[in-house]
Amino acid sequence: MNRIKLLREENNWTQEYLGNLLNVKKAAISKYETGRAALTDDTICRLVDIFHVSADYLLGLSDKRNNLENNLTERELTLLGYFHDLTPKYKDIAIGTLASLTSQQDKTPSYKKEG
């Protein structure tokens, strides 16, 4: 499957919605997804920003979605996967909760911190 289509469907976006983000018509998205239209450098850069993936992943040159995957542990990747599946409302709640936990952790004396 074309990576653009895969990423669009993962986000539950229509071709029309992605077209609006790129300022192109729905038909252009269809052509990108089927390979009937070549992506310009500008369009690739915009898609990379929209989907938060590397250009290599977008173009099918790598299976790593982004450069972060090379530096994250399996546990961190699992957390990102869960976060990705949340609605925007629950993403905000998760961020707030993690921020609160982090600030509490910073106030905990080092001898009480768990490793």
PDB file of N, CA and C in Angstrom:
ATOM      1  N   MET A   1       0.846  -1.189   0.000  1.00  0.00           N
ATOM      2  CA  MET A   1       0.000   0.000   0.000  1.00  0.00           C
ATOM      3  C   MET A   1       0.883   1.241   0.000  1.00  0.00           C
ATOM      4  N   ASN A   2       0.489   2.237  -0.698  1.00  0.00           N
ATOM      5  CA  ASN A   2       1.190   3.508  -0.758  1.00  0.00           C
ATOM      6  C   ASN A   2       1.249   4.109   0.653  1.00  0.00           C
ATOM      7  N   ARG A   3       2.407   4.641   1.034  1.00  0.00           N
ATOM      8  CA  ARG A   3       2.576   5.181   2.379  1.00  0.00           C
ATOM      9  C   ARG A   3       1.682   6.393   2.636  1.00  0.00           C
ATOM     10  N   ILE A   4       1.431   7.198   1.629  1.00  0.00           N
ATOM     11  CA  ILE A   4       0.561   8.363   1.826  1.00  0.00           C
ATOM     12  C   ILE A   4      -0.839   7.880   2.196  1.00  0.00           C
ATOM     13  N   LYS A   5      -1.328   6.905   1.452  1.00  0.00           N
ATOM     14  CA  LYS A   5      -2.651   6.365   1.741  1.00  0.00           C
ATOM     15  C   LYS A   5      -2.670   5.716   3.125  1.00  0.00           C
ATOM     16  N   LEU A   6      -1.646   4.951   3.450  1.00  0.00           N
ATOM     17  CA  LEU A   6      -1.553   4.304   4.746  1.00  0.00           C
ATOM     18  C   LEU A   6      -1.614   5.333   5.877  1.00  0.00           C
ATOM     19  N   LEU A   7      -0.799   6.368   5.780  1.00  0.00           N
ATOM     20  CA  LEU A   7      -0.756   7.396   6.815  1.00  0.00           C
ATOM     21  C   LEU A   7      -2.070   8.169   6.897  1.00  0.00           C
ATOM     22  N   ARG A   8      -2.641   8.458   5.745  1.00  0.00           N
ATOM     23  CA  ARG A   8      -3.923   9.173   5.719  1.00  0.00           C
ATOM     24  C   ARG A   8      -4.998   8.336   6.411  1.00  0.00           C
ATOM     25  N   GLU A   9      -5.048   7.046   6.091  1.00  0.00           N
ATOM     26  CA  GLU A   9      -6.060   6.173   6.683  1.00  0.00           C
ATOM     27  C   GLU A   9      -5.817   5.955   8.179  1.00  0.00           C
ATOM     28  N   GLU A  10      -4.555   5.897   8.596  1.00  0.00           N
ATOM     29  CA  GLU A  10      -4.256   5.768  10.022  1.00  0.00           C
ATOM     30  C   GLU A  10      -4.803   6.944  10.814  1.00  0.00           C
ATOM     31  N   ASN A  11      -4.839   8.106  10.172  1.00  0.00           N
ATOM     32  CA  ASN A  11      -5.360   9.312  10.816  1.00  0.00           C
ATOM     33  C   ASN A  11      -6.862   9.491  10.602  1.00  0.00           C
ATOM     34  N   ASN A  12      -7.461   8.537   9.898  1.00  0.00           N
ATOM     35  CA  ASN A  12      -8.894   8.619   9.577  1.00  0.00           C
ATOM     36  C   ASN A  12      -9.240   9.897   8.812  1.00  0.00           C
ATOM     37  N   TRP A  13      -8.362  10.261   7.890  1.00  0.00           N
ATOM     38  CA  TRP A  13      -8.573  11.449   7.071  1.00  0.00           C
ATOM     39  C   TRP A  13      -9.080  11.050   5.694  1.00  0.00           C
ATOM     40  N   THR A  14      -9.923  11.879   5.133  1.00  0.00           N
ATOM     41  CA  THR A  14     -10.352  11.688   3.750  1.00  0.00           C
ATOM     42  C   THR A  14      -9.295  12.286   2.824  1.00  0.00           C
ATOM     43  N   GLN A  15      -9.377  11.918   1.565  1.00  0.00           N
ATOM     44  CA  GLN A  15      -8.485  12.541   0.581  1.00  0.00           C
ATOM     45  C   GLN A  15      -8.744  14.042   0.521  1.00  0.00           C
ATOM     46  N   GLU A  16      -9.986  14.411   0.667  1.00  0.00           N
ATOM     47  CA  GLU A  16     -10.332  15.839   0.635  1.00  0.00           C
ATOM     48  C   GLU A  16      -9.686  16.593   1.797  1.00  0.00           C
ATOM     49  N   TYR A  17      -9.699  15.990   2.992  1.00  0.00           N
ATOM     50  CA  TYR A  17      -9.106  16.644   4.155  1.00  0.00           C
ATOM     51  C   TYR A  17      -7.600  16.821   3.963  1.00  0.00           C
ATOM     52  N   LEU A  18      -6.921  15.753   3.533  1.00  0.00           N
ATOM     53  CA  LEU A  18      -5.480  15.861   3.295  1.00  0.00           C
ATOM     54  C   LEU A  18      -5.203  16.872   2.191  1.00  0.00           C
ATOM     55  N   GLY A  19      -6.044  16.886   1.161  1.00  0.00           N
ATOM     56  CA  GLY A  19      -5.901  17.876   0.097  1.00  0.00           C
ATOM     57  C   GLY A  19      -5.982  19.292   0.635  1.00  0.00           C
ATOM     58  N   ASN A  20      -6.898  19.519   1.570  1.00  0.00           N
ATOM     59  CA  ASN A  20      -7.012  20.854   2.175  1.00  0.00           C
ATOM     60  C   ASN A  20      -5.750  21.224   2.939  1.00  0.00           C
ATOM     61  N   LEU A  21      -5.170  20.251   3.643  1.00  0.00           N
ATOM     62  CA  LEU A  21      -3.926  20.519   4.376  1.00  0.00           C
ATOM     63  C   LEU A  21      -2.784  20.881   3.426  1.00  0.00           C
ATOM     64  N   LEU A  22      -2.784  20.252   2.250  1.00  0.00           N
ATOM     65  CA  LEU A  22      -1.723  20.488   1.261  1.00  0.00           C
ATOM     66  C   LEU A  22      -2.081  21.600   0.276  1.00  0.00           C
ATOM     67  N   ASN A  23      -3.322  22.077   0.360  1.00  0.00           N
ATOM     68  CA  ASN A  23      -3.818  23.095  -0.568  1.00  0.00           C
ATOM     69  C   ASN A  23      -3.842  22.579  -2.008  1.00  0.00           C
ATOM     70  N   VAL A  24      -4.290  21.313  -2.146  1.00  0.00           N
ATOM     71  CA  VAL A  24      -4.487  20.700  -3.464  1.00  0.00           C
ATOM     72  C   VAL A  24      -5.864  20.050  -3.487  1.00  0.00           C
ATOM     73  N   LYS A  25      -6.307  19.679  -4.662  1.00  0.00           N
ATOM     74  CA  LYS A  25      -7.616  19.040  -4.787  1.00  0.00           C
ATOM     75  C   LYS A  25      -7.539  17.563  -4.400  1.00  0.00           C
ATOM     76  N   LYS A  26      -8.697  17.021  -4.073  1.00  0.00           N
ATOM     77  CA  LYS A  26      -8.819  15.602  -3.726  1.00  0.00           C
ATOM     78  C   LYS A  26      -8.233  14.722  -4.827  1.00  0.00           C
ATOM     79  N   ALA A  27      -8.435  15.114  -6.075  1.00  0.00           N
ATOM     80  CA  ALA A  27      -7.926  14.331  -7.209  1.00  0.00           C
ATOM     81  C   ALA A  27      -6.401  14.230  -7.176  1.00  0.00           C
ATOM     82  N   ALA A  28      -5.730  15.281  -6.704  1.00  0.00           N
ATOM     83  CA  ALA A  28      -4.264  15.245  -6.613  1.00  0.00           C
ATOM     84  C   ALA A  28      -3.829  14.214  -5.578  1.00  0.00           C
ATOM     85  N   ILE A  29      -4.548  14.145  -4.463  1.00  0.00           N
ATOM     86  CA  ILE A  29      -4.219  13.155  -3.433  1.00  0.00           C
ATOM     87  C   ILE A  29      -4.390  11.749  -4.003  1.00  0.00           C
ATOM     88  N   SER A  30      -5.462  11.545  -4.732  1.00  0.00           N
ATOM     89  CA  SER A  30      -5.694  10.244  -5.362  1.00  0.00           C
ATOM     90  C   SER A  30      -4.546   9.881  -6.290  1.00  0.00           C
ATOM     91  N   LYS A  31      -4.071  10.853  -7.057  1.00  0.00           N
ATOM     92  CA  LYS A  31      -2.959  10.599  -7.978  1.00  0.00           C
ATOM     93  C   LYS A  31      -1.655  10.318  -7.228  1.00  0.00           C
ATOM     94  N   TYR A  32      -1.431  11.024  -6.106  1.00  0.00           N
ATOM     95  CA  TYR A  32      -0.235  10.744  -5.297  1.00  0.00           C
ATOM     96  C   TYR A  32      -0.297   9.320  -4.756  1.00  0.00           C
ATOM     97  N   GLU A  33      -1.486   8.931  -4.292  1.00  0.00           N
ATOM     98  CA  GLU A  33      -1.636   7.616  -3.676  1.00  0.00           C
ATOM     99  C   GLU A  33      -1.511   6.469  -4.680  1.00  0.00           C
ATOM    100  N   THR A  34      -1.881   6.715  -5.905  1.00  0.00           N
ATOM    101  CA  THR A  34      -1.794   5.664  -6.923  1.00  0.00           C
ATOM    102  C   THR A  34      -0.514   5.739  -7.744  1.00  0.00           C
ATOM    103  N   GLY A  35       0.294   6.765  -7.509  1.00  0.00           N
ATOM    104  CA  GLY A  35       1.542   6.910  -8.244  1.00  0.00           C
ATOM    105  C   GLY A  35       1.374   7.508  -9.633  1.00  0.00           C
ATOM    106  N   ARG A  36       0.193   8.023  -9.932  1.00  0.00           N
ATOM    107  CA  ARG A  36      -0.034   8.640 -11.243  1.00  0.00           C
ATOM    108  C   ARG A  36       0.499  10.061 -11.312  1.00  0.00           C
ATOM    109  N   ALA A  37       0.864  10.625 -10.161  1.00  0.00           N
ATOM    110  CA  ALA A  37       1.468  11.961 -10.132  1.00  0.00           C
ATOM    111  C   ALA A  37       2.683  11.910  -9.229  1.00  0.00           C
ATOM    112  N   ALA A  38       3.749  12.500  -9.695  1.00  0.00           N
ATOM    113  CA  ALA A  38       4.991  12.536  -8.919  1.00  0.00           C
ATOM    114  C   ALA A  38       4.890  13.597  -7.831  1.00  0.00           C
ATOM    115  N   LEU A  39       5.501  13.315  -6.702  1.00  0.00           N
ATOM    116  CA  LEU A  39       5.542  14.278  -5.606  1.00  0.00           C
ATOM    117  C   LEU A  39       6.666  15.274  -5.849  1.00  0.00           C
ATOM    118  N   THR A  40       6.366  16.546  -5.660  1.00  0.00           N
ATOM    119  CA  THR A  40       7.415  17.566  -5.735  1.00  0.00           C
ATOM    120  C   THR A  40       8.173  17.565  -4.410  1.00  0.00           C
ATOM    121  N   ASP A  41       9.346  18.159  -4.417  1.00  0.00           N
ATOM    122  CA  ASP A  41      10.117  18.266  -3.177  1.00  0.00           C
ATOM    123  C   ASP A  41       9.318  19.006  -2.111  1.00  0.00           C
ATOM    124  N   ASP A  42       8.625  20.060  -2.512  1.00  0.00           N
ATOM    125  CA  ASP A  42       7.820  20.839  -1.568  1.00  0.00           C
ATOM    126  C   ASP A  42       6.706  19.983  -0.970  1.00  0.00           C
ATOM    127  N   THR A  43       6.041  19.192  -1.791  1.00  0.00           N
ATOM    128  CA  THR A  43       4.959  18.334  -1.308  1.00  0.00           C
ATOM    129  C   THR A  43       5.493  17.280  -0.356  1.00  0.00           C
ATOM    130  N   ILE A  44       6.638  16.720  -0.656  1.00  0.00           N
ATOM    131  CA  ILE A  44       7.261  15.735   0.244  1.00  0.00           C
ATOM    132  C   ILE A  44       7.538  16.384   1.595  1.00  0.00           C
ATOM    133  N   CYS A  45       8.120  17.569   1.589  1.00  0.00           N
ATOM    134  CA  CYS A  45       8.430  18.269   2.842  1.00  0.00           C
ATOM    135  C   CYS A  45       7.166  18.545   3.639  1.00  0.00           C
ATOM    136  N   ARG A  46       6.118  18.944   2.961  1.00  0.00           N
ATOM    137  CA  ARG A  46       4.857  19.232   3.651  1.00  0.00           C
ATOM    138  C   ARG A  46       4.240  17.957   4.226  1.00  0.00           C
ATOM    139  N   LEU A  47       4.300  16.858   3.483  1.00  0.00           N
ATOM    140  CA  LEU A  47       3.764  15.591   3.978  1.00  0.00           C
ATOM    141  C   LEU A  47       4.563  15.082   5.180  1.00  0.00           C
ATOM    142  N   VAL A  48       5.865  15.252   5.132  1.00  0.00           N
ATOM    143  CA  VAL A  48       6.722  14.872   6.253  1.00  0.00           C
ATOM    144  C   VAL A  48       6.299  15.638   7.504  1.00  0.00           C
ATOM    145  N   ASP A  49       6.040  16.928   7.367  1.00  0.00           N
ATOM    146  CA  ASP A  49       5.597  17.740   8.503  1.00  0.00           C
ATOM    147  C   ASP A  49       4.204  17.342   8.979  1.00  0.00           C
ATOM    148  N   ILE A  50       3.312  17.086   8.055  1.00  0.00           N
ATOM    149  CA  ILE A  50       1.933  16.730   8.408  1.00  0.00           C
ATOM    150  C   ILE A  50       1.873  15.403   9.150  1.00  0.00           C
ATOM    151  N   PHE A  51       2.590  14.407   8.633  1.00  0.00           N
ATOM    152  CA  PHE A  51       2.515  13.064   9.206  1.00  0.00           C
ATOM    153  C   PHE A  51       3.592  12.774  10.250  1.00  0.00           C
ATOM    154  N   HIS A  52       4.557  13.683  10.399  1.00  0.00           N
ATOM    155  CA  HIS A  52       5.648  13.499  11.365  1.00  0.00           C
ATOM    156  C   HIS A  52       6.415  12.201  11.095  1.00  0.00           C
ATOM    157  N   VAL A  53       6.769  12.003   9.854  1.00  0.00           N
ATOM    158  CA  VAL A  53       7.570  10.850   9.451  1.00  0.00           C
ATOM    159  C   VAL A  53       8.767  11.355   8.659  1.00  0.00           C
ATOM    160  N   SER A  54       9.723  10.477   8.439  1.00  0.00           N
ATOM    161  CA  SER A  54      10.874  10.863   7.623  1.00  0.00           C
ATOM    162  C   SER A  54      10.507  10.775   6.142  1.00  0.00           C
ATOM    163  N   ALA A  55      11.234  11.505   5.325  1.00  0.00           N
ATOM    164  CA  ALA A  55      11.025  11.430   3.879  1.00  0.00           C
ATOM    165  C   ALA A  55      11.319  10.023   3.378  1.00  0.00           C
ATOM    166  N   ASP A  56      12.332   9.375   3.945  1.00  0.00           N
ATOM    167  CA  ASP A  56      12.653   8.005   3.544  1.00  0.00           C
ATOM    168  C   ASP A  56      11.481   7.067   3.786  1.00  0.00           C
ATOM    169  N   TYR A  57      10.820   7.218   4.923  1.00  0.00           N
ATOM    170  CA  TYR A  57       9.657   6.375   5.206  1.00  0.00           C
ATOM    171  C   TYR A  57       8.534   6.699   4.223  1.00  0.00           C
ATOM    172  N   LEU A  58       8.265   7.964   4.033  1.00  0.00           N
ATOM    173  CA  LEU A  58       7.188   8.392   3.138  1.00  0.00           C
ATOM    174  C   LEU A  58       7.385   7.827   1.732  1.00  0.00           C
ATOM    175  N   LEU A  59       8.619   7.817   1.272  1.00  0.00           N
ATOM    176  CA  LEU A  59       8.932   7.359  -0.080  1.00  0.00           C
ATOM    177  C   LEU A  59       9.161   5.847  -0.170  1.00  0.00           C
ATOM    178  N   GLY A  60       9.050   5.159   0.961  1.00  0.00           N
ATOM    179  CA  GLY A  60       9.216   3.708   0.948  1.00  0.00           C
ATOM    180  C   GLY A  60      10.662   3.246   0.945  1.00  0.00           C
ATOM    181  N   LEU A  61      11.582   4.131   1.287  1.00  0.00           N
ATOM    182  CA  LEU A  61      12.998   3.783   1.300  1.00  0.00           C
ATOM    183  C   LEU A  61      13.444   3.205   2.635  1.00  0.00           C
ATOM    184  N   SER A  62      12.594   3.344   3.657  1.00  0.00           N
ATOM    185  CA  SER A  62      12.902   2.844   4.992  1.00  0.00           C
ATOM    186  C   SER A  62      11.605   2.419   5.669  1.00  0.00           C
ATOM    187  N   ASP A  63      11.727   1.462   6.574  1.00  0.00           N
ATOM    188  CA  ASP A  63      10.566   1.069   7.366  1.00  0.00           C
ATOM    189  C   ASP A  63      10.510   1.805   8.697  1.00  0.00           C
ATOM    190  N   LYS A  64      11.529   2.600   8.987  1.00  0.00           N
ATOM    191  CA  LYS A  64      11.539   3.411  10.197  1.00  0.00           C
ATOM    192  C   LYS A  64      10.759   4.687   9.909  1.00  0.00           C
ATOM    193  N   ARG A  65       9.731   4.934  10.701  1.00  0.00           N
ATOM    194  CA  ARG A  65       8.875   6.095  10.441  1.00  0.00           C
ATOM    195  C   ARG A  65       9.610   7.420  10.613  1.00  0.00           C
ATOM    196  N   ASN A  66      10.512   7.461  11.556  1.00  0.00           N
ATOM    197  CA  ASN A  66      11.270   8.697  11.749  1.00  0.00           C
ATOM    198  C   ASN A  66      12.584   8.390  12.426  1.00  0.00           C
ATOM    199  N   ASN A  67      13.422   9.388  12.517  1.00  0.00           N
ATOM    200  CA  ASN A  67      14.747   9.177  13.089  1.00  0.00           C
ATOM    201  C   ASN A  67      14.699   8.888  14.579  1.00  0.00           C
ATOM    202  N   LEU A  68      13.590   9.286  15.246  1.00  0.00           N
ATOM    203  CA  LEU A  68      13.459   9.004  16.664  1.00  0.00           C
ATOM    204  C   LEU A  68      13.458   7.510  16.938  1.00  0.00           C
ATOM    205  N   GLU A  69      12.900   6.728  16.029  1.00  0.00           N
ATOM    206  CA  GLU A  69      12.789   5.295  16.249  1.00  0.00           C
ATOM    207  C   GLU A  69      14.152   4.645  16.441  1.00  0.00           C
ATOM    208  N   ASN A  70      15.192   5.246  15.888  1.00  0.00           N
ATOM    209  CA  ASN A  70      16.525   4.687  16.041  1.00  0.00           C
ATOM    210  C   ASN A  70      17.066   4.897  17.446  1.00  0.00           C
ATOM    211  N   ASN A  71      16.511   5.892  18.172  1.00  0.00           N
ATOM    212  CA  ASN A  71      17.050   6.258  19.472  1.00  0.00           C
ATOM    213  C   ASN A  71      16.127   5.917  20.634  1.00  0.00           C
ATOM    214  N   LEU A  72      14.935   5.400  20.376  1.00  0.00           N
ATOM    215  CA  LEU A  72      13.985   5.110  21.434  1.00  0.00           C
ATOM    216  C   LEU A  72      14.015   3.638  21.817  1.00  0.00           C
ATOM    217  N   THR A  73      13.738   3.401  23.093  1.00  0.00           N
ATOM    218  CA  THR A  73      13.638   2.026  23.557  1.00  0.00           C
ATOM    219  C   THR A  73      12.298   1.442  23.114  1.00  0.00           C
ATOM    220  N   GLU A  74      12.180   0.135  23.222  1.00  0.00           N
ATOM    221  CA  GLU A  74      10.914  -0.526  22.875  1.00  0.00           C
ATOM    222  C   GLU A  74       9.777  -0.014  23.760  1.00  0.00           C
ATOM    223  N   ARG A  75      10.072   0.238  25.002  1.00  0.00           N
ATOM    224  CA  ARG A  75       9.069   0.768  25.944  1.00  0.00           C
ATOM    225  C   ARG A  75       8.597   2.158  25.522  1.00  0.00           C
ATOM    226  N   GLU A  76       9.532   3.006  25.102  1.00  0.00           N
ATOM    227  CA  GLU A  76       9.169   4.347  24.643  1.00  0.00           C
ATOM    228  C   GLU A  76       8.342   4.298  23.356  1.00  0.00           C
ATOM    229  N   LEU A  77       8.686   3.388  22.461  1.00  0.00           N
ATOM    230  CA  LEU A  77       7.912   3.225  21.228  1.00  0.00           C
ATOM    231  C   LEU A  77       6.500   2.734  21.530  1.00  0.00           C
ATOM    232  N   THR A  78       6.370   1.846  22.518  1.00  0.00           N
ATOM    233  CA  THR A  78       5.050   1.362  22.924  1.00  0.00           C
ATOM    234  C   THR A  78       4.212   2.521  23.451  1.00  0.00           C
ATOM    235  N   LEU A  79       4.820   3.363  24.272  1.00  0.00           N
ATOM    236  CA  LEU A  79       4.121   4.529  24.807  1.00  0.00           C
ATOM    237  C   LEU A  79       3.656   5.452  23.685  1.00  0.00           C
ATOM    238  N   LEU A  80       4.514   5.686  22.711  1.00  0.00           N
ATOM    239  CA  LEU A  80       4.134   6.516  21.572  1.00  0.00           C
ATOM    240  C   LEU A  80       2.988   5.898  20.780  1.00  0.00           C
ATOM    241  N   GLY A  81       2.991   4.586  20.661  1.00  0.00           N
ATOM    242  CA  GLY A  81       1.904   3.905  19.965  1.00  0.00           C
ATOM    243  C   GLY A  81       0.571   4.125  20.666  1.00  0.00           C
ATOM    244  N   TYR A  82       0.577   3.972  21.989  1.00  0.00           N
ATOM    245  CA  TYR A  82      -0.652   4.230  22.750  1.00  0.00           C
ATOM    246  C   TYR A  82      -1.091   5.683  22.591  1.00  0.00           C
ATOM    247  N   PHE A  83      -0.132   6.592  22.688  1.00  0.00           N
ATOM    248  CA  PHE A  83      -0.438   8.022  22.573  1.00  0.00           C
ATOM    249  C   PHE A  83      -1.044   8.340  21.210  1.00  0.00           C
ATOM    250  N   HIS A  84      -0.500   7.739  20.170  1.00  0.00           N
ATOM    251  CA  HIS A  84      -0.973   7.985  18.806  1.00  0.00           C
ATOM    252  C   HIS A  84      -2.443   7.632  18.650  1.00  0.00           C
ATOM    253  N   ASP A  85      -2.902   6.604  19.364  1.00  0.00           N
ATOM    254  CA  ASP A  85      -4.278   6.124  19.240  1.00  0.00           C
ATOM    255  C   ASP A  85      -5.289   6.963  20.015  1.00  0.00           C
ATOM    256  N   LEU A  86      -4.818   7.891  20.841  1.00  0.00           N
ATOM    257  CA  LEU A  86      -5.724   8.727  21.628  1.00  0.00           C
ATOM    258  C   LEU A  86      -6.357   9.829  20.790  1.00  0.00           C
ATOM    259  N   THR A  87      -7.534  10.259  21.211  1.00  0.00           N
ATOM    260  CA  THR A  87      -8.164  11.435  20.597  1.00  0.00           C
ATOM    261  C   THR A  87      -7.410  12.677  21.074  1.00  0.00           C
ATOM    262  N   PRO A  88      -7.546  13.806  20.381  1.00  0.00           N
ATOM    263  CA  PRO A  88      -6.845  15.021  20.816  1.00  0.00           C
ATOM    264  C   PRO A  88      -7.135  15.390  22.282  1.00  0.00           C
ATOM    265  N   LYS A  89      -8.381  15.215  22.716  1.00  0.00           N
ATOM    266  CA  LYS A  89      -8.740  15.527  24.107  1.00  0.00           C
ATOM    267  C   LYS A  89      -7.908  14.687  25.076  1.00  0.00           C
ATOM    268  N   TYR A  90      -7.822  13.388  24.818  1.00  0.00           N
ATOM    269  CA  TYR A  90      -7.088  12.512  25.715  1.00  0.00           C
ATOM    270  C   TYR A  90      -5.576  12.668  25.570  1.00  0.00           C
ATOM    271  N   LYS A  91      -5.121  13.115  24.409  1.00  0.00           N
ATOM    272  CA  LYS A  91      -3.688  13.426  24.271  1.00  0.00           C
ATOM    273  C   LYS A  91      -3.325  14.580  25.197  1.00  0.00           C
ATOM    274  N   ASP A  92      -4.196  15.607  25.255  1.00  0.00           N
ATOM    275  CA  ASP A  92      -3.958  16.738  26.154  1.00  0.00           C
ATOM    276  C   ASP A  92      -3.928  16.284  27.607  1.00  0.00           C
ATOM    277  N   ILE A  93      -4.857  15.390  27.973  1.00  0.00           N
ATOM    278  CA  ILE A  93      -4.892  14.870  29.343  1.00  0.00           C
ATOM    279  C   ILE A  93      -3.615  14.086  29.640  1.00  0.00           C
ATOM    280  N   ALA A  94      -3.186  13.241  28.700  1.00  0.00           N
ATOM    281  CA  ALA A  94      -1.970  12.452  28.893  1.00  0.00           C
ATOM    282  C   ALA A  94      -0.749  13.349  29.063  1.00  0.00           C
ATOM    283  N   ILE A  95      -0.657  14.383  28.254  1.00  0.00           N
ATOM    284  CA  ILE A  95       0.473  15.314  28.364  1.00  0.00           C
ATOM    285  C   ILE A  95       0.467  15.997  29.728  1.00  0.00           C
ATOM    286  N   GLY A  96      -0.714  16.434  30.162  1.00  0.00           N
ATOM    287  CA  GLY A  96      -0.824  17.070  31.476  1.00  0.00           C
ATOM    288  C   GLY A  96      -0.436  16.130  32.600  1.00  0.00           C
ATOM    289  N   THR A  97      -0.872  14.886  32.500  1.00  0.00           N
ATOM    290  CA  THR A  97      -0.541  13.886  33.518  1.00  0.00           C
ATOM    291  C   THR A  97       0.956  13.621  33.552  1.00  0.00           C
ATOM    292  N   LEU A  98       1.559  13.457  32.385  1.00  0.00           N
ATOM    293  CA  LEU A  98       3.011  13.225  32.339  1.00  0.00           C
ATOM    294  C   LEU A  98       3.787  14.433  32.862  1.00  0.00           C
ATOM    295  N   ALA A  99       3.324  15.628  32.540  1.00  0.00           N
ATOM    296  CA  ALA A  99       3.987  16.842  33.042  1.00  0.00           C
ATOM    297  C   ALA A  99       3.908  16.886  34.566  1.00  0.00           C
ATOM    298  N   SER A 100       2.745  16.536  35.113  1.00  0.00           N
ATOM    299  CA  SER A 100       2.571  16.508  36.564  1.00  0.00           C
ATOM    300  C   SER A 100       3.480  15.471  37.215  1.00  0.00           C
ATOM    301  N   LEU A 101       3.533  14.283  36.625  1.00  0.00           N
ATOM    302  CA  LEU A 101       4.405  13.236  37.153  1.00  0.00           C
ATOM    303  C   LEU A 101       5.869  13.659  37.117  1.00  0.00           C
ATOM    304  N   THR A 102       6.256  14.305  36.032  1.00  0.00           N
ATOM    305  CA  THR A 102       7.642  14.757  35.897  1.00  0.00           C
ATOM    306  C   THR A 102       7.987  15.793  36.955  1.00  0.00           C
ATOM    307  N   SER A 103       7.069  16.736  37.184  1.00  0.00           N
ATOM    308  CA  SER A 103       7.365  17.766  38.185  1.00  0.00           C
ATOM    309  C   SER A 103       7.403  17.168  39.585  1.00  0.00           C
ATOM    310  N   GLN A 104       6.558  16.157  39.870  1.00  0.00           N
ATOM    311  CA  GLN A 104       6.599  15.488  41.170  1.00  0.00           C
ATOM    312  C   GLN A 104       7.896  14.711  41.328  1.00  0.00           C
ATOM    313  N   GLN A 105       8.328  14.072  40.256  1.00  0.00           N
ATOM    314  CA  GLN A 105       9.567  13.299  40.296  1.00  0.00           C
ATOM    315  C   GLN A 105      10.742  14.201  40.599  1.00  0.00           C
ATOM    316  N   ASP A 106      10.773  15.398  39.995  1.00  0.00           N
ATOM    317  CA  ASP A 106      11.884  16.322  40.197  1.00  0.00           C
ATOM    318  C   ASP A 106      11.974  16.791  41.647  1.00  0.00           C
ATOM    319  N   LYS A 107      10.849  16.772  42.380  1.00  0.00           N
ATOM    320  CA  LYS A 107      10.826  17.223  43.774  1.00  0.00           C
ATOM    321  C   LYS A 107      11.160  16.092  44.746  1.00  0.00           C
ATOM    322  N   THR A 108      11.200  14.868  44.243  1.00  0.00           N
ATOM    323  CA  THR A 108      11.490  13.718  45.093  1.00  0.00           C
ATOM    324  C   THR A 108      12.999  13.636  45.345  1.00  0.00           C
ATOM    325  N   PRO A 109      13.391  13.529  46.610  1.00  0.00           N
ATOM    326  CA  PRO A 109      14.833  13.391  46.878  1.00  0.00           C
ATOM    327  C   PRO A 109      15.411  12.207  46.120  1.00  0.00           C
ATOM    328  N   SER A 110      16.628  12.334  45.666  1.00  0.00           N
ATOM    329  CA  SER A 110      17.243  11.307  44.819  1.00  0.00           C
ATOM    330  C   SER A 110      17.295   9.950  45.491  1.00  0.00           C
ATOM    331  N   TYR A 111      17.416   9.909  46.825  1.00  0.00           N
ATOM    332  CA  TYR A 111      17.478   8.620  47.508  1.00  0.00           C
ATOM    333  C   TYR A 111      16.131   7.913  47.513  1.00  0.00           C
ATOM    334  N   LYS A 112      15.032   8.627  47.197  1.00  0.00           N
ATOM    335  CA  LYS A 112      13.707   8.018  47.165  1.00  0.00           C
ATOM    336  C   LYS A 112      13.267   7.668  45.746  1.00  0.00           C
ATOM    337  N   LYS A 113      14.012   8.144  44.752  1.00  0.00           N
ATOM    338  CA  LYS A 113      13.631   7.902  43.354  1.00  0.00           C
ATOM    339  C   LYS A 113      13.831   6.438  42.998  1.00  0.00           C
ATOM    340  N   GLU A 114      12.875   5.928  42.226  1.00  0.00           N
ATOM    341  CA  GLU A 114      13.000   4.561  41.738  1.00  0.00           C
ATOM    342  C   GLU A 114      13.775   4.586  40.440  1.00  0.00           C
ATOM    343  N   GLY A 115      14.518   3.566  40.153  1.00  0.00           N
ATOM    344  CA  GLY A 115      15.308   3.519  38.937  1.00  0.00           C
ATOM    345  C   GLY A 115      14.789   2.676  37.945  1.00  0.00           C
TER     346      GLY A 115
END
